[in-house]
Amino acid sequence: MSIGHTLLGLLESGPRHGYDLKRAFDEKFGHDRPLHYGQVYSTMSRLLKNGLVVVDGIEAGGGPERKRYAITDAGITDVAQWLATPEKPEPYLQSTLYTKVVLALLTHRDAADILDTQRSEHLRSMRILTDRKRKGDLADQLICDHALFHLEADLRWLELTAARLDKLREAVAAQ
């Protein structure tokens, strides 16, 4: 995820302080991985330097000065271009799980146990996400569906690999 583009997109609704940007980000996108304040302010500093935001005002308070940021026309154009650019699909050709299965076979360990343990972990994660989806709002339901679809694909791969484990063992031994 592009933090900079996400913060710019949030600024399109109007100027905000760094604290407000962090809170909006966490509410909309950061349920599982909230932003750190340092990340917000370093990103805003970079966006300011690149002319994508301006300081719209500074407020003095009991603590440090609070800068209010506003998006520039260049920032709006940048967000529009980012939104229009399709994300490159990630084919997952460097899978840690595949590596573990092959290494288990190379070292004469039980690869089936690795697959079974992983299957149990995937199912546990799916139960948690399904419960969260059931209780969540539409945004939570959509992000949980995204994760669940990926986990379902992983489970299909686990089943396929378990079914082909003898052939994979032979192929690994022949190399």
Protein backbone atom coordinates (compact mmCIF):
# COMPACT_ATOMS: atom_id res chain seq x y z
CA MET A 1 0.00 0.00 0.00
CA SER A 2 1.25 3.46 -0.81
CA ILE A 3 1.00 5.41 2.43
CA GLY A 4 1.75 8.68 0.66
CA HIS A 5 -1.01 8.25 -1.91
CA THR A 6 -3.44 7.13 0.76
CA LEU A 7 -2.72 10.22 2.88
CA LEU A 8 -3.05 12.43 -0.20
CA GLY A 9 -6.39 10.83 -0.98
CA LEU A 10 -7.57 11.50 2.57
CA LEU A 11 -6.54 15.15 2.17
CA GLU A 12 -8.79 15.56 -0.87
CA SER A 13 -11.78 15.91 1.48
CA GLY A 14 -10.11 18.92 3.12
CA PRO A 15 -7.05 20.07 5.08
CA ARG A 16 -6.07 18.02 8.13
CA HIS A 17 -3.46 17.82 10.85
CA GLY A 18 -1.08 14.87 10.99
CA TYR A 19 -2.96 13.47 13.99
CA ASP A 20 -6.24 13.61 12.05
CA LEU A 21 -4.64 11.91 9.04
CA LYS A 22 -3.31 9.10 11.23
CA ARG A 23 -6.70 8.62 12.87
CA ALA A 24 -8.54 8.59 9.51
CA PHE A 25 -6.00 6.16 8.03
CA ASP A 26 -6.26 3.81 11.00
CA GLU A 27 -10.07 3.89 10.93
CA LYS A 28 -10.32 3.20 7.19
CA PHE A 29 -7.26 1.08 6.41
CA GLY A 30 -5.15 0.34 9.46
CA HIS A 31 -7.25 -1.95 11.63
CA ASP A 32 -4.54 -4.57 11.62
CA ARG A 33 -1.53 -2.33 10.98
CA PRO A 34 -2.01 1.19 12.31
CA LEU A 35 0.39 3.89 11.19
CA HIS A 36 3.01 5.22 13.56
CA TYR A 37 3.01 8.96 14.05
CA GLY A 38 6.60 9.14 12.83
CA GLN A 39 5.57 7.50 9.58
CA VAL A 40 2.79 10.05 9.07
CA TYR A 41 5.06 13.03 9.67
CA SER A 42 7.97 11.70 7.61
CA THR A 43 5.56 10.97 4.74
CA MET A 44 4.01 14.45 5.03
CA SER A 45 7.49 15.98 5.00
CA ARG A 46 8.30 14.12 1.77
CA LEU A 47 4.98 15.12 0.19
CA LEU A 48 5.62 18.74 1.19
CA LYS A 49 9.11 18.65 -0.32
CA ASN A 50 7.69 17.18 -3.55
CA GLY A 51 5.03 19.89 -3.81
CA LEU A 52 2.09 17.51 -3.38
CA VAL A 53 0.91 19.19 -0.16
CA VAL A 54 1.30 22.60 1.45
CA VAL A 55 1.09 23.74 5.04
CA ASP A 56 -2.35 25.32 5.21
CA GLY A 57 -1.93 26.67 8.73
CA ILE A 58 -0.04 26.32 11.97
CA GLU A 59 -1.76 26.26 15.33
CA ALA A 60 0.03 26.82 18.60
CA GLY A 61 -1.20 24.85 21.56
CA GLY A 62 -0.05 23.40 24.85
CA GLY A 63 2.44 21.21 23.01
CA PRO A 64 4.31 21.45 19.74
CA GLU A 65 2.88 23.50 16.89
CA ARG A 66 0.30 21.65 14.84
CA LYS A 67 0.62 21.91 11.08
CA ARG A 68 -2.48 21.59 8.97
CA TYR A 69 -1.77 20.11 5.53
CA ALA A 70 -3.70 20.65 2.30
CA ILE A 71 -3.33 18.83 -0.99
CA THR A 72 -2.09 20.78 -4.01
CA ASP A 73 -3.29 20.47 -7.61
CA ALA A 74 -0.16 18.41 -8.28
CA GLY A 75 -1.13 16.15 -5.37
CA ILE A 76 -4.64 15.67 -6.77
CA THR A 77 -3.16 14.78 -10.16
CA ASP A 78 -0.73 12.35 -8.50
CA VAL A 79 -3.54 10.57 -6.63
CA ALA A 80 -5.65 10.38 -9.80
CA GLN A 81 -2.75 8.80 -11.70
CA TRP A 82 -2.07 6.35 -8.87
CA LEU A 83 -5.73 5.33 -8.68
CA ALA A 84 -5.88 4.81 -12.46
CA THR A 85 -2.75 2.63 -12.54
CA PRO A 86 -3.58 -1.07 -12.08
CA GLU A 87 -1.68 -2.91 -9.36
CA LYS A 88 0.69 -5.58 -10.60
CA PRO A 89 -0.70 -8.99 -9.62
CA GLU A 90 1.62 -10.76 -7.21
CA PRO A 91 2.15 -14.32 -8.45
CA TYR A 92 3.81 -15.50 -5.20
CA LEU A 93 6.53 -17.43 -7.01
CA GLN A 94 8.85 -17.13 -4.00
CA SER A 95 6.74 -18.86 -1.38
CA THR A 96 8.21 -19.52 2.06
CA LEU A 97 5.81 -22.41 2.46
CA TYR A 98 7.01 -24.04 -0.79
CA THR A 99 10.60 -23.57 0.38
CA LYS A 100 9.80 -25.28 3.70
CA VAL A 101 8.18 -28.24 1.93
CA VAL A 102 11.14 -28.74 -0.41
CA LEU A 103 13.66 -28.33 2.43
CA ALA A 104 11.74 -30.85 4.52
CA LEU A 105 11.99 -33.32 1.63
CA LEU A 106 15.69 -32.56 1.10
CA THR A 107 16.44 -33.12 4.78
CA HIS A 108 14.25 -36.24 5.03
CA ARG A 109 11.72 -34.63 7.33
CA ASP A 110 7.97 -35.17 7.13
CA ALA A 111 6.68 -32.60 4.63
CA ALA A 112 3.12 -33.86 5.17
CA ASP A 113 3.32 -32.68 8.78
CA ILE A 114 4.36 -29.22 7.59
CA LEU A 115 1.40 -29.12 5.21
CA ASP A 116 -1.00 -30.34 7.92
CA THR A 117 0.25 -27.80 10.44
CA GLN A 118 -0.05 -25.02 7.88
CA ARG A 119 -3.54 -26.15 6.90
CA SER A 120 -4.59 -25.95 10.57
CA GLU A 121 -3.14 -22.45 10.86
CA HIS A 122 -4.92 -21.31 7.71
CA LEU A 123 -8.23 -22.71 8.94
CA ARG A 124 -7.75 -20.98 12.30
CA SER A 125 -7.10 -17.67 10.53
CA MET A 126 -10.14 -18.21 8.33
CA ARG A 127 -12.38 -18.77 11.38
CA ILE A 128 -11.13 -15.52 12.93
CA LEU A 129 -11.66 -13.58 9.70
CA THR A 130 -15.11 -15.10 9.16
CA ASP A 131 -16.13 -14.04 12.68
CA ARG A 132 -14.73 -10.55 12.10
CA LYS A 133 -16.55 -10.37 8.76
CA ARG A 134 -19.84 -11.42 10.37
CA LYS A 135 -19.55 -8.67 13.01
CA GLY A 136 -18.02 -5.97 10.80
CA ASP A 137 -19.31 -3.17 8.66
CA LEU A 138 -19.17 -3.29 4.87
CA ALA A 139 -15.54 -2.13 4.73
CA ASP A 140 -14.51 -4.83 7.20
CA GLN A 141 -16.50 -7.42 5.25
CA LEU A 142 -14.75 -6.52 2.00
CA ILE A 143 -11.22 -6.59 3.44
CA CYS A 144 -11.99 -9.89 5.20
CA ASP A 145 -13.32 -11.33 1.93
CA HIS A 146 -10.07 -10.33 0.22
CA ALA A 147 -8.01 -12.10 2.88
CA LEU A 148 -10.32 -15.14 2.92
CA PHE A 149 -10.06 -15.58 -0.85
CA HIS A 150 -6.26 -15.58 -0.58
CA LEU A 151 -6.37 -18.10 2.26
CA GLU A 152 -8.74 -20.31 0.24
CA ALA A 153 -6.26 -20.26 -2.65
CA ASP A 154 -3.49 -21.22 -0.24
CA LEU A 155 -5.61 -24.10 1.07
CA ARG A 156 -6.16 -25.36 -2.49
CA TRP A 157 -2.40 -25.25 -2.99
CA LEU A 158 -1.82 -27.12 0.29
CA GLU A 159 -4.25 -29.87 -0.78
CA LEU A 160 -2.72 -30.12 -4.26
CA THR A 161 0.81 -30.28 -2.85
CA ALA A 162 -0.21 -32.95 -0.32
CA ALA A 163 -1.69 -35.01 -3.17
CA ARG A 164 1.53 -34.64 -5.19
CA LEU A 165 3.97 -35.05 -2.29
CA ASP A 166 5.29 -38.44 -3.46
CA LYS A 167 6.00 -37.06 -6.95
CA LEU A 168 7.63 -33.97 -5.46
CA ARG A 169 9.77 -36.15 -3.21
CA GLU A 170 10.97 -38.05 -6.28
CA ALA A 171 11.66 -34.85 -8.22
CA VAL A 172 13.61 -33.33 -5.34
CA ALA A 173 15.64 -36.50 -4.85
CA ALA A 174 16.49 -36.62 -8.58
CA GLN A 175 17.95 -33.10 -8.63
